[in-house]
């Protein structure tokens, strides 16, 4: 497919996606939007209402808007009131003050490309610049128990083989327990239980929450959502960025929660009530803005009266880790509804996942993600070659009859109806189908858009080097004019002139493919296609190096493909040469 058609494919893809989104929101508003509610006054479901109507003392988690004091990360993590977390993928600790998981680092991922940069920190204690944590607790008698209570632990380290139980007993003889277990990936299971050894019944509601700052969040994009996310009533819910949620104040999506949390481009923290199938009664499940760029997602279970001598148990899971599609899909297969959709696959998921699988396989074979992108592009272009050949053949037929079409247009310029009749007759006599070149284009749109999304969403590309100066394919080309193509020993802010070698190669190869194409009949189109490669060179320069590598490779393959197809359609090559000669004259 030549780049003129690729540009058209990009435009059509955008129109298709935006049009689909508008249409779905118009015809099915309940699936795309959720009801806005006052976050401090959750609206109970029918089942919850039936339960709480006979249970006095049901409460809420409150606004929690008070600003926490600023805390130094090193000082906070040095507290003796902590239980260590250690798994093949995670490290960190549980804060015994408040039963908070507020210290999580991801062993498999570094903060930057520098090896000494340390692992990615996902969770951090409240009050630190990057505060982000999960808390488990109880609402008792309608009041949320304080978050500064100290729990006792029966172990010193949480590992996949050693669970840890936190315990606390209040003045009424009620014992609260939270047992934490963790697997070898990113899932922590919290089993909250209550044993009433007192003389009077107690009304108790287990809860879980995730609280974070948005100051370190990734940018919310159309192709990669960053912000509140979840599945409610078996429907993916992710309409708002953090700024939009701040404007709303809070939102409670419609439907029973399967899971809910916050997502970044590569990371996810999510609460999973029960088995993740939305069959647990909750009083509140939603999102709220706390001000000062702080946000919280709440999961408050229904109020239950625990009689003297009775007990209560509630299970919740916490996912805190990387958005690795293989791991997320494994949990989805285990029962969590649409958990794999935490990655913003969109409507072309049916194409994107096979492409990602192929990219992973190629990377495993060659050991270089950049080479894998090149090989992937070659394979996809090879598979699409018959389609491109059909499109090129149609273009050749259309080009062959263009002189006669122009003659008809001149002869019947004052009679549009007759002009159209004669052109249609020409098509019929010459067996030319003017729409034949459009169908291959439509077929290719989802495939090429899917490839683009895979390169954006794939965590496998993060911090992966290629050759020479390209140390991170998920970041823009680091060598550009502003830093003298990497010669300056410091970083220069990216700007309009931040044109790196890959962007220059993109402009050159695109210009060559345009020159090889037949010249457009319309002079305005000719001028547009003449400057388009250089405009795209500037537009694409800030994109990830992996995307530019794909596009440059695609352009080179287009040049080879066009050269071959011209040899099969000499009339089109002759028409191009004649057009170029006319332009030169």
Protein backbone atom coordinates (compact mmCIF):
# COMPACT_ATOMS: atom_id res chain seq x y z
CA UNK A 1 0.00 0.00 0.00
CA UNK A 2 1.54 3.35 -1.01
CA UNK A 3 1.74 6.17 1.49
CA UNK A 4 -0.92 8.23 -0.25
CA UNK A 5 -3.35 5.44 0.53
CA UNK A 6 -1.84 5.04 3.99
CA UNK A 7 -2.67 8.66 4.75
CA UNK A 8 -6.20 8.08 3.53
CA UNK A 9 -6.36 4.94 5.67
CA UNK A 10 -5.33 6.90 8.78
CA UNK A 11 -7.98 9.56 8.10
CA UNK A 12 -10.68 6.96 7.46
CA UNK A 13 -9.66 5.07 10.60
CA UNK A 14 -10.05 8.20 12.67
CA UNK A 15 -13.44 8.97 11.17
CA UNK A 16 -14.59 5.38 11.67
CA UNK A 17 -13.49 5.27 15.29
CA UNK A 18 -14.88 8.68 16.22
CA UNK A 19 -18.10 8.00 14.33
CA UNK A 20 -18.53 4.63 16.03
CA UNK A 21 -17.92 6.15 19.45
CA UNK A 22 -20.46 8.93 18.84
CA UNK A 23 -22.98 6.43 17.51
CA UNK A 24 -22.59 4.04 20.43
CA UNK A 25 -22.96 6.86 22.93
CA UNK A 26 -26.07 8.08 21.13
CA UNK A 27 -27.87 4.76 20.69
CA UNK A 28 -26.59 3.02 23.85
CA UNK A 29 -25.90 5.71 26.48
CA UNK A 30 -26.16 3.29 29.36
CA UNK A 31 -23.25 1.23 28.04
CA UNK A 32 -20.95 4.18 27.37
CA UNK A 33 -21.86 6.57 30.17
CA UNK A 34 -22.63 6.11 33.81
CA UNK A 35 -24.99 7.94 36.07
CA UNK A 36 -23.42 10.79 37.94
CA UNK A 37 -24.13 10.75 41.64
CA UNK A 38 -23.02 12.51 44.75
CA UNK A 39 -20.01 10.39 45.83
CA UNK A 40 -20.79 11.04 49.47
CA UNK A 41 -24.28 9.58 49.05
CA UNK A 42 -24.00 6.25 47.23
CA UNK A 43 -27.13 4.93 45.58
CA UNK A 44 -27.72 1.35 46.79
CA UNK A 45 -28.87 -1.42 44.51
CA UNK A 46 -32.22 -3.09 45.14
CA UNK A 47 -30.51 -5.97 46.89
CA UNK A 48 -28.46 -3.60 49.03
CA UNK A 49 -31.51 -1.51 49.88
CA UNK A 50 -33.39 -4.62 50.97
CA UNK A 51 -30.53 -5.65 53.17
CA UNK A 52 -29.75 -2.28 54.74
CA UNK A 53 -33.41 -1.48 55.33
CA UNK A 54 -33.42 -4.04 58.10
CA UNK A 55 -29.87 -3.33 59.23
CA UNK A 56 -29.27 -0.20 61.22
CA UNK A 57 -25.88 1.50 61.24
CA UNK A 58 -24.90 1.29 57.55
CA UNK A 59 -22.29 3.98 56.82
CA UNK A 60 -19.92 5.34 54.20
CA UNK A 61 -16.20 5.94 53.78
CA UNK A 62 -16.60 9.72 53.82
CA UNK A 63 -14.84 12.31 51.73
CA UNK A 64 -11.36 11.96 53.29
CA UNK A 65 -10.53 15.40 51.93
CA UNK A 66 -8.19 16.47 54.73
CA UNK A 67 -4.68 17.03 53.43
CA UNK A 68 -2.15 14.58 54.82
CA UNK A 69 1.11 15.91 56.19
CA UNK A 70 4.06 15.70 53.85
CA UNK A 71 6.19 12.64 54.42
CA UNK A 72 9.66 11.68 53.27
CA UNK A 73 9.60 8.35 51.39
CA UNK A 74 12.76 6.98 52.99
CA UNK A 75 11.60 7.93 56.47
CA UNK A 76 8.15 6.40 55.93
CA UNK A 77 9.56 3.11 54.70
CA UNK A 78 12.01 2.92 57.60
CA UNK A 79 9.17 2.49 60.12
CA UNK A 80 9.37 -0.73 62.16
CA UNK A 81 5.61 -1.20 61.80
CA UNK A 82 5.91 -2.90 58.43
CA UNK A 83 5.64 -6.42 57.01
CA UNK A 84 7.87 -7.08 54.02
CA UNK A 85 6.52 -8.23 50.64
CA UNK A 86 8.73 -10.34 48.43
CA UNK A 87 7.72 -12.25 45.26
CA UNK A 88 9.42 -12.95 41.92
CA UNK A 89 7.83 -9.78 40.48
CA UNK A 90 7.09 -7.55 43.48
CA UNK A 91 8.86 -6.12 46.48
CA UNK A 92 7.64 -3.75 49.16
CA UNK A 93 5.83 -3.80 52.47
CA UNK A 94 2.50 -3.59 54.30
CA UNK A 95 2.04 -0.70 56.71
CA UNK A 96 0.62 -2.05 59.99
CA UNK A 97 -0.69 1.43 60.74
CA UNK A 98 -3.97 1.47 58.87
CA UNK A 99 -3.53 -1.96 57.21
CA UNK A 100 -2.28 -0.28 54.07
CA UNK A 101 -0.34 -1.73 51.18
CA UNK A 102 1.57 1.43 50.40
CA UNK A 103 4.96 0.19 49.27
CA UNK A 104 5.16 -1.70 45.97
CA UNK A 105 7.99 -1.76 43.43
CA UNK A 106 8.02 -3.82 40.23
CA UNK A 107 11.19 -5.89 39.96
CA UNK A 108 10.92 -6.50 36.22
CA UNK A 109 10.81 -2.81 35.19
CA UNK A 110 13.21 0.08 35.72
CA UNK A 111 12.23 3.72 36.21
CA UNK A 112 14.46 4.81 33.31
CA UNK A 113 16.69 3.13 30.73
CA UNK A 114 19.64 3.53 33.06
CA UNK A 115 20.36 0.27 34.86
CA UNK A 116 21.08 2.09 38.12
CA UNK A 117 17.72 3.90 38.08
CA UNK A 118 16.05 1.28 40.26
CA UNK A 119 12.73 -0.55 39.81
CA UNK A 120 9.46 1.17 39.00
CA UNK A 121 7.70 2.34 42.15
CA UNK A 122 3.95 1.80 41.86
CA UNK A 123 2.74 2.35 45.46
CA UNK A 124 4.07 4.92 47.92
CA UNK A 125 2.86 6.00 51.40
CA UNK A 126 0.34 8.77 51.95
CA UNK A 127 1.90 12.21 52.08
CA UNK A 128 4.84 11.37 49.83
CA UNK A 129 5.06 13.10 46.41
CA UNK A 130 3.98 9.93 44.61
CA UNK A 131 1.39 8.73 47.15
CA UNK A 132 -0.53 5.73 45.86
CA UNK A 133 -1.80 2.93 48.12
CA UNK A 134 -4.54 0.43 48.93
CA UNK A 135 -6.24 0.25 52.31
CA UNK A 136 -8.42 -2.48 53.82
CA UNK A 137 -10.63 -1.87 56.82
CA UNK A 138 -14.09 -1.89 58.36
CA UNK A 139 -17.04 0.42 58.92
CA UNK A 140 -18.50 -0.45 62.34
CA UNK A 141 -21.80 0.92 63.60
CA UNK A 142 -21.97 3.29 60.64
CA UNK A 143 -18.56 4.88 61.28
CA UNK A 144 -15.35 4.19 59.40
CA UNK A 145 -12.67 2.94 61.76
CA UNK A 146 -9.69 5.34 61.97
CA UNK A 147 -6.85 4.82 59.52
CA UNK A 148 -4.18 5.33 62.19
CA UNK A 149 -4.97 2.17 64.15
CA UNK A 150 -2.07 -0.23 64.66
CA UNK A 151 -2.59 -3.86 63.63
CA UNK A 152 -0.65 -6.89 64.83
CA UNK A 153 0.90 -9.30 62.31
CA UNK A 154 1.56 -13.01 62.71
CA UNK A 155 4.52 -12.95 60.32
CA UNK A 156 7.34 -10.73 59.09
CA UNK A 157 7.21 -11.37 55.34
CA UNK A 158 4.46 -11.90 52.78
CA UNK A 159 5.52 -14.30 50.03
CA UNK A 160 3.70 -16.69 47.67
CA UNK A 161 4.20 -19.45 50.24
CA UNK A 162 3.75 -17.49 53.49
CA UNK A 163 0.50 -15.56 54.00
CA UNK A 164 0.29 -12.94 56.74
CA UNK A 165 -2.70 -12.17 58.98
CA UNK A 166 -3.26 -8.78 60.62
CA UNK A 167 -5.38 -8.75 63.79
CA UNK A 168 -6.97 -6.10 66.01
CA UNK A 169 -9.54 -6.38 68.82
CA UNK A 170 -11.64 -3.41 69.92
CA UNK A 171 -13.00 -2.51 73.35
CA UNK A 172 -16.29 -4.36 72.66
CA UNK A 173 -14.56 -7.70 72.20
CA UNK A 174 -14.88 -7.73 68.41
CA UNK A 175 -11.82 -9.09 66.61
CA UNK A 176 -11.03 -7.90 63.09
CA UNK A 177 -8.69 -9.87 60.85
CA UNK A 178 -7.20 -9.28 57.40
CA UNK A 179 -5.34 -12.20 55.90
CA UNK A 180 -3.08 -11.32 52.98
CA UNK A 181 -1.92 -13.91 50.45
CA UNK A 182 -0.03 -13.21 47.24
CA UNK A 183 0.70 -15.14 44.05
CA UNK A 184 3.81 -15.14 41.87
CA UNK A 185 2.54 -12.36 39.63
CA UNK A 186 0.71 -9.22 40.79
CA UNK A 187 -2.40 -10.36 42.67
CA UNK A 188 -2.84 -9.93 46.42
CA UNK A 189 -5.81 -11.66 48.09
CA UNK A 190 -7.24 -9.99 51.18
CA UNK A 191 -9.70 -11.96 53.32
CA UNK A 192 -11.41 -9.67 55.84
CA UNK A 193 -13.16 -11.35 58.75
CA UNK A 194 -14.94 -10.35 61.95
CA UNK A 195 -15.49 -12.45 65.08
CA UNK A 196 -17.88 -11.06 67.65
CA UNK A 197 -16.91 -12.26 71.12
CA UNK A 198 -18.84 -9.45 72.77
CA UNK A 199 -22.28 -9.54 74.35
CA UNK A 200 -24.09 -7.35 71.79
CA UNK A 201 -24.55 -7.69 68.04
CA UNK A 202 -22.47 -5.44 65.77
CA UNK A 203 -23.21 -3.94 62.35
CA UNK A 204 -20.07 -4.24 60.21
CA UNK A 205 -19.13 -3.38 56.63
CA UNK A 206 -15.74 -4.45 55.23
CA UNK A 207 -14.23 -2.00 52.76
CA UNK A 208 -11.26 -1.59 50.45
CA UNK A 209 -10.01 1.51 48.68
CA UNK A 210 -7.25 2.75 46.44
CA UNK A 211 -6.04 6.33 46.79
CA UNK A 212 -3.54 8.06 44.52
CA UNK A 213 -2.20 11.33 43.22
CA UNK A 214 -2.48 12.12 39.52
CA UNK A 215 0.71 14.18 39.46
CA UNK A 216 2.73 11.15 38.32
CA UNK A 217 0.03 9.69 36.04
CA UNK A 218 0.61 9.18 32.34
CA UNK A 219 -1.26 11.33 29.82
CA UNK A 220 -4.76 10.18 28.93
CA UNK A 221 -4.84 9.51 25.17
CA UNK A 222 -7.45 8.21 22.79
CA UNK A 223 -5.42 5.07 22.13
CA UNK A 224 -4.22 4.62 25.73
CA UNK A 225 -6.51 5.51 28.64
CA UNK A 226 -5.09 6.86 31.88
CA UNK A 227 -7.47 7.38 34.80
CA UNK A 228 -10.33 5.58 36.55
CA UNK A 229 -11.31 2.28 34.99
CA UNK A 230 -13.41 -0.75 35.77
CA UNK A 231 -16.00 -3.22 34.63
CA UNK A 232 -19.53 -2.66 35.94
CA UNK A 233 -22.46 -4.84 34.96
CA UNK A 234 -20.16 -6.72 32.56
CA UNK A 235 -19.44 -3.46 30.66
CA UNK A 236 -16.05 -1.76 30.45
CA UNK A 237 -16.16 1.71 32.02
CA UNK A 238 -13.37 4.18 31.24
CA UNK A 239 -14.87 7.46 29.99
CA UNK A 240 -13.01 9.97 32.18
CA UNK A 241 -9.52 11.33 32.61
CA UNK A 242 -8.41 12.58 36.03
CA UNK A 243 -9.20 16.17 35.06
CA UNK A 244 -12.71 15.18 34.00
CA UNK A 245 -13.29 13.25 37.22
CA UNK A 246 -12.10 16.28 39.18
CA UNK A 247 -14.69 18.43 37.39
CA UNK A 248 -17.45 15.92 38.15
CA UNK A 249 -16.41 15.50 41.78
CA UNK A 250 -17.18 11.81 41.71
CA UNK A 251 -18.97 9.11 39.81
CA UNK A 252 -20.63 5.82 40.55
CA UNK A 253 -20.97 3.71 37.40
CA UNK A 254 -24.16 1.76 36.86
CA UNK A 255 -24.18 -1.97 37.42
CA UNK A 256 -22.56 -4.33 39.90
CA UNK A 257 -18.75 -3.96 40.06
CA UNK A 258 -16.67 -6.78 38.61
CA UNK A 259 -13.48 -4.80 39.30
CA UNK A 260 -12.42 -1.15 39.56
CA UNK A 261 -9.27 0.90 39.95
CA UNK A 262 -6.82 3.26 38.25
CA UNK A 263 -4.76 2.69 35.14
CA UNK A 264 -1.71 4.23 33.50
CA UNK A 265 -0.27 3.42 30.11
CA UNK A 266 1.68 0.46 31.49
CA UNK A 267 0.50 -0.02 35.11
CA UNK A 268 -2.73 -0.97 36.86
CA UNK A 269 -4.06 -1.00 40.43
CA UNK A 270 -7.50 -2.57 40.75
CA UNK A 271 -9.82 -3.99 43.40
CA UNK A 272 -11.68 -7.21 42.60
CA UNK A 273 -14.68 -7.93 44.88
CA UNK A 274 -15.38 -11.60 45.49
CA UNK A 275 -14.78 -13.76 42.45
CA UNK A 276 -14.78 -10.83 40.01
CA UNK A 277 -18.14 -11.66 38.44
CA UNK A 278 -20.21 -8.86 39.95
CA UNK A 279 -22.22 -11.10 42.27
CA UNK A 280 -21.29 -9.46 45.58
CA UNK A 281 -23.61 -6.96 47.28
CA UNK A 282 -21.99 -3.57 47.79
CA UNK A 283 -23.22 -0.29 49.20
CA UNK A 284 -20.73 1.83 47.31
CA UNK A 285 -18.42 1.20 44.38
CA UNK A 286 -17.18 4.22 42.51
CA UNK A 287 -14.66 7.01 42.14
CA UNK A 288 -14.23 10.41 43.72
CA UNK A 289 -11.98 13.43 43.53
CA UNK A 290 -10.54 14.51 46.88
CA UNK A 291 -9.02 17.76 45.64
CA UNK A 292 -5.33 18.65 45.27
CA UNK A 293 -4.98 16.09 42.47
CA UNK A 294 -5.93 13.25 44.82
CA UNK A 295 -8.40 10.58 43.78
CA UNK A 296 -9.94 7.51 45.38
CA UNK A 297 -11.87 4.46 44.33
CA UNK A 298 -14.10 2.93 47.00
CA UNK A 299 -15.43 -0.57 47.51
CA UNK A 300 -17.80 -0.66 50.49
CA UNK A 301 -19.63 -3.91 51.07
CA UNK A 302 -23.18 -4.21 52.38
CA UNK A 303 -23.87 -3.83 56.11
CA UNK A 304 -24.22 -7.10 58.00
CA UNK A 305 -25.34 -7.64 61.57
CA UNK A 306 -22.88 -9.95 63.30
CA UNK A 307 -24.59 -11.44 66.39
CA UNK A 308 -22.79 -12.22 69.61
CA UNK A 309 -20.67 -15.28 68.95
CA UNK A 310 -21.07 -14.85 65.18
CA UNK A 311 -18.62 -14.07 62.41
CA UNK A 312 -18.35 -12.45 58.98
CA UNK A 313 -15.95 -13.05 56.09
CA UNK A 314 -15.40 -11.08 52.87
CA UNK A 315 -12.82 -11.69 50.14
CA UNK A 316 -11.27 -8.96 47.96
CA UNK A 317 -8.32 -9.07 45.60
CA UNK A 318 -5.89 -6.30 44.73
CA UNK A 319 -4.02 -6.24 41.44
CA UNK A 320 -0.94 -4.02 41.60
CA UNK A 321 1.43 -4.39 38.71
CA UNK A 322 2.20 -4.22 35.02
CA UNK A 323 -0.39 -4.39 32.26
CA UNK A 324 1.09 -7.51 30.76
CA UNK A 325 -1.64 -8.88 28.48
CA UNK A 326 -0.65 -12.48 29.13
CA UNK A 327 -1.00 -12.06 32.89
CA UNK A 328 -4.24 -10.05 32.68
CA UNK A 329 -5.77 -12.61 30.33
CA UNK A 330 -4.81 -15.40 32.72
CA UNK A 331 -6.82 -13.72 35.50
CA UNK A 332 -9.71 -13.16 33.10
CA UNK A 333 -9.69 -16.84 32.23
CA UNK A 334 -9.77 -17.49 35.97
CA UNK A 335 -13.08 -15.67 36.26
CA UNK A 336 -12.50 -11.90 36.49
CA UNK A 337 -14.84 -10.36 33.92
CA UNK A 338 -13.03 -8.56 31.08
CA UNK A 339 -9.89 -8.09 33.13
CA UNK A 340 -7.79 -8.13 29.97
CA UNK A 341 -9.61 -5.01 28.80
CA UNK A 342 -7.66 -2.99 31.33
CA UNK A 343 -5.42 -2.58 28.28
CA UNK A 344 -7.12 -0.13 25.90
CA UNK A 345 -7.42 -2.56 23.00
CA UNK A 346 -10.56 -0.97 21.59
CA UNK A 347 -12.60 -2.43 18.73
CA UNK A 348 -9.68 -3.95 16.82
CA UNK A 349 -8.65 -6.32 19.61
CA UNK A 350 -9.24 -9.27 17.29
CA UNK A 351 -6.31 -8.03 15.17
CA UNK A 352 -4.17 -6.53 17.93
CA UNK A 353 -3.67 -9.62 20.08
CA UNK A 354 -2.42 -11.84 17.22
CA UNK A 355 -0.07 -9.04 16.16
CA UNK A 356 1.24 -8.75 19.74
CA UNK A 357 1.71 -12.52 19.92
CA UNK A 358 3.70 -12.46 16.68
CA UNK A 359 5.78 -9.52 17.91
CA UNK A 360 6.62 -11.35 21.12
CA UNK A 361 7.50 -14.50 19.21
CA UNK A 362 9.80 -12.65 16.82
CA UNK A 363 11.47 -10.82 19.71
CA UNK A 364 12.08 -14.16 21.39
CA UNK A 365 13.72 -15.48 18.22
CA UNK A 366 15.96 -12.52 17.36
CA UNK A 367 16.49 -11.00 20.80
CA UNK A 368 16.02 -7.42 19.60
CA UNK A 369 12.67 -5.65 19.72
CA UNK A 370 13.60 -3.27 16.92
CA UNK A 371 14.52 -6.13 14.61
CA UNK A 372 11.26 -7.83 15.65
CA UNK A 373 9.32 -4.70 14.56
CA UNK A 374 11.08 -4.77 11.19
CA UNK A 375 10.33 -8.48 10.71
CA UNK A 376 6.73 -7.96 11.82
CA UNK A 377 6.31 -5.19 9.26
CA UNK A 378 7.77 -7.41 6.54
CA UNK A 379 5.41 -10.27 7.44
CA UNK A 380 2.30 -8.06 7.55
CA UNK A 381 3.19 -6.34 4.29
CA UNK A 382 3.84 -9.74 2.76
CA UNK A 383 0.43 -11.02 3.87
CA UNK A 384 -1.21 -7.86 2.53
CA UNK A 385 0.69 -7.97 -0.78
CA UNK A 386 -2.11 -9.70 -2.75
CA UNK A 387 -4.50 -7.01 -1.54
CA UNK A 388 -2.04 -4.27 -2.49
CA UNK A 389 -1.51 -5.90 -5.90
CA UNK A 390 -5.26 -5.88 -6.52
CA UNK A 391 -5.41 -2.22 -5.54
CA UNK A 392 -2.44 -1.37 -7.75
CA UNK A 393 -3.97 -3.24 -10.69
CA UNK A 394 -7.18 -1.25 -10.29
CA UNK A 395 -5.16 1.95 -10.15
CA UNK A 396 -3.38 0.96 -13.36
CA UNK A 397 -6.69 0.37 -15.14
CA UNK A 398 -8.03 3.71 -13.97
CA UNK A 399 -4.85 5.45 -15.07
CA UNK A 400 -5.07 3.87 -18.51
CA UNK A 401 -8.56 5.31 -19.16
CA UNK A 402 -7.89 8.73 -17.64
CA UNK A 403 -7.06 10.43 -20.99
CA UNK A 404 -10.41 9.27 -22.38
CA UNK A 405 -12.17 10.33 -19.20
CA UNK A 406 -10.66 13.78 -19.51
CA UNK A 407 -11.78 13.95 -23.13
CA UNK A 408 -15.36 13.08 -22.10
CA UNK A 409 -15.27 15.69 -19.34
CA UNK A 410 -14.19 18.35 -21.83
CA UNK A 411 -16.71 17.29 -24.50
CA UNK A 412 -19.70 17.27 -22.13
CA UNK A 413 -18.60 19.89 -19.60
CA UNK A 414 -21.97 21.66 -19.91
CA UNK A 415 -24.04 18.49 -19.60
CA UNK A 416 -23.16 16.73 -16.33
CA UNK A 417 -25.78 14.02 -16.72
CA UNK A 418 -24.50 13.03 -20.19
CA UNK A 419 -20.94 13.27 -18.93
CA UNK A 420 -21.69 10.77 -16.17
CA UNK A 421 -23.44 8.42 -18.59
CA UNK A 422 -20.47 8.41 -20.96
CA UNK A 423 -17.99 7.82 -18.15
CA UNK A 424 -20.04 4.87 -16.87
CA UNK A 425 -20.19 3.49 -20.40
CA UNK A 426 -16.41 3.83 -20.62
CA UNK A 427 -16.02 1.88 -17.39
CA UNK A 428 -18.29 -0.86 -18.71
CA UNK A 429 -16.57 -1.10 -22.12
CA UNK A 430 -13.09 -1.22 -20.57
CA UNK A 431 -14.18 -3.48 -17.66
CA UNK A 432 -12.95 -0.96 -15.10
CA UNK A 433 -14.38 -0.89 -11.57
CA UNK A 434 -13.63 2.49 -9.95
CA UNK A 435 -14.44 1.07 -6.50
CA UNK A 436 -12.11 -1.91 -6.82
CA UNK A 437 -9.24 0.07 -5.33
CA UNK A 438 -11.28 1.09 -2.28
CA UNK A 439 -12.11 -2.36 -0.92
CA UNK A 440 -8.46 -3.36 -0.36
CA UNK A 441 -7.97 -0.06 1.44
CA UNK A 442 -10.91 -0.74 3.75
CA UNK A 443 -9.54 -4.22 4.51
CA UNK A 444 -6.15 -2.81 5.45
CA UNK A 445 -7.41 -0.02 7.74
CA UNK A 446 -8.05 -2.16 10.88
CA UNK A 447 -4.83 -4.11 10.42
CA UNK A 448 -2.55 -1.08 10.21
CA UNK A 449 -4.39 0.73 12.99
CA UNK A 450 -4.10 -2.40 15.14
CA UNK A 451 -0.36 -2.50 14.51
CA UNK A 452 -0.08 1.14 15.59
CA UNK A 453 -1.99 0.45 18.83
CA UNK A 454 0.09 -2.63 19.62
CA UNK A 455 3.27 -0.56 19.42
CA UNK A 456 1.72 2.08 21.72
CA UNK A 457 0.22 -0.31 24.28
CA UNK A 458 2.79 -3.08 24.34
CA UNK A 459 4.71 -2.98 27.62
CA UNK A 460 7.23 -5.29 25.93
CA UNK A 461 8.51 -2.27 23.94
CA UNK A 462 9.14 -0.17 27.06
CA UNK A 463 12.87 0.54 27.51
CA UNK A 464 13.76 -1.92 24.75
CA UNK A 465 16.87 -0.84 22.78
CA UNK A 466 17.45 -1.12 19.04
CA UNK A 467 20.91 -0.19 17.81
CA UNK A 468 23.44 2.58 18.45
CA UNK A 469 21.77 5.66 19.96
CA UNK A 470 18.24 4.21 20.28
CA UNK A 471 18.06 2.90 23.84
CA UNK A 472 14.28 2.98 24.27
CA UNK A 473 11.89 2.17 21.41
CA UNK A 474 8.91 3.41 23.44
CA UNK A 475 10.40 6.93 23.70
CA UNK A 476 11.06 9.52 20.96
CA UNK A 477 14.32 9.38 19.02
CA UNK A 478 16.83 10.84 21.54
CA UNK A 479 19.21 12.17 18.86
CA UNK A 480 17.91 15.33 17.24
CA UNK A 481 18.94 18.74 15.99
CA UNK A 482 18.45 20.43 19.36
CA UNK A 483 21.08 18.25 21.06
CA UNK A 484 23.31 18.04 17.97
CA UNK A 485 22.16 14.49 17.30
CA UNK A 486 23.19 13.23 20.71
CA UNK A 487 26.54 14.98 20.90
CA UNK A 488 25.51 17.29 23.77
CA UNK A 489 25.91 15.59 27.17
CA UNK A 490 22.53 16.78 28.46
CA UNK A 491 18.88 16.61 27.52
CA UNK A 492 17.23 19.42 25.56
CA UNK A 493 13.43 19.88 25.79
CA UNK A 494 11.68 18.49 22.73
CA UNK A 495 10.22 21.11 20.43
CA UNK A 496 9.30 21.84 16.85
CA UNK A 497 12.89 21.35 15.67
CA UNK A 498 13.44 18.09 17.54
CA UNK A 499 13.92 16.15 14.31
CA UNK A 500 15.93 12.97 14.77
CA UNK A 501 17.48 10.62 12.21
CA UNK A 502 14.43 8.35 12.17
CA UNK A 503 12.13 11.30 11.43
CA UNK A 504 14.46 12.44 8.62
CA UNK A 505 14.45 8.91 7.18
CA UNK A 506 10.67 8.93 7.42
CA UNK A 507 10.44 12.17 5.42
CA UNK A 508 12.89 10.99 2.76
CA UNK A 509 11.36 7.55 2.25
CA UNK A 510 7.86 8.98 2.16
CA UNK A 511 8.96 11.58 -0.41
CA UNK A 512 10.43 8.81 -2.59
CA UNK A 513 7.22 6.77 -2.42
CA UNK A 514 5.18 9.83 -3.41
CA UNK A 515 7.52 10.50 -6.33
CA UNK A 516 7.09 6.92 -7.50
CA UNK A 517 3.30 7.23 -7.46
CA UNK A 518 1.35 8.54 -10.47
CA UNK A 519 0.95 12.30 -10.24
CA UNK A 520 -2.50 13.49 -9.19
CA UNK A 521 -4.54 15.25 -11.89
CA UNK A 522 -5.59 18.04 -9.54
CA UNK A 523 -2.79 20.66 -9.12
CA UNK A 524 -3.88 21.31 -5.53
CA UNK A 525 -3.46 17.61 -4.75
CA UNK A 526 -0.05 17.66 -6.39
CA UNK A 527 1.09 20.48 -4.11
CA UNK A 528 -0.37 18.78 -1.06
CA UNK A 529 1.44 15.50 -1.77
CA UNK A 530 4.66 17.41 -2.45
CA UNK A 531 4.77 18.94 1.03
CA UNK A 532 3.03 16.17 2.96
CA UNK A 533 6.19 14.05 3.60
CA UNK A 534 7.96 16.99 5.24
CA UNK A 535 4.94 17.96 7.30
CA UNK A 536 4.63 14.38 8.57
CA UNK A 537 8.36 14.39 9.35
CA UNK A 538 7.75 17.12 11.92
CA UNK A 539 4.43 15.68 13.12
CA UNK A 540 5.82 12.18 13.68
CA UNK A 541 9.15 13.24 15.24
CA UNK A 542 7.84 13.22 18.86
CA UNK A 543 6.31 9.74 18.44
CA UNK A 544 7.92 6.61 19.87
CA UNK A 545 11.02 5.48 17.99
CA UNK A 546 9.42 2.06 17.51
CA UNK A 547 6.55 3.63 15.55
CA UNK A 548 8.94 5.59 13.34
CA UNK A 549 10.99 2.43 12.78
CA UNK A 550 7.84 0.64 11.66
CA UNK A 551 6.84 3.46 9.29
CA UNK A 552 10.32 3.81 7.77
CA UNK A 553 10.42 0.05 7.20
CA UNK A 554 6.96 0.19 5.67
CA UNK A 555 8.07 2.98 3.32
CA UNK A 556 11.10 1.01 2.18
CA UNK A 557 8.90 -2.02 1.53
CA UNK A 558 6.47 0.22 -0.36
CA UNK A 559 9.29 1.37 -2.64
CA UNK A 560 10.25 -2.23 -3.36
CA UNK A 561 6.61 -3.22 -3.83
CA UNK A 562 5.88 -0.35 -6.21
CA UNK A 563 9.00 -1.09 -8.27
CA UNK A 564 7.85 -4.68 -8.67
CA UNK A 565 4.26 -3.77 -9.49
CA UNK A 566 5.35 -1.16 -12.02
CA UNK A 567 7.17 -3.94 -13.84
CA UNK A 568 3.82 -5.78 -14.01
CA UNK A 569 1.88 -2.69 -15.13
CA UNK A 570 4.06 -0.80 -17.66
CA UNK A 571 1.17 1.48 -18.67
CA UNK A 572 1.11 2.92 -15.14
CA UNK A 573 4.86 3.45 -15.12
CA UNK A 574 4.65 5.18 -18.48
CA UNK A 575 1.87 7.42 -17.20
CA UNK A 576 3.95 8.34 -14.17
CA UNK A 577 7.00 9.09 -16.30
CA UNK A 578 4.91 11.25 -18.61
CA UNK A 579 3.45 13.14 -15.67
CA UNK A 580 6.89 13.71 -14.20
CA UNK A 581 8.16 14.94 -17.57
CA UNK A 582 5.21 17.31 -17.83
CA UNK A 583 5.89 18.65 -14.34
CA UNK A 584 9.57 19.15 -15.15
CA UNK A 585 8.67 21.00 -18.34
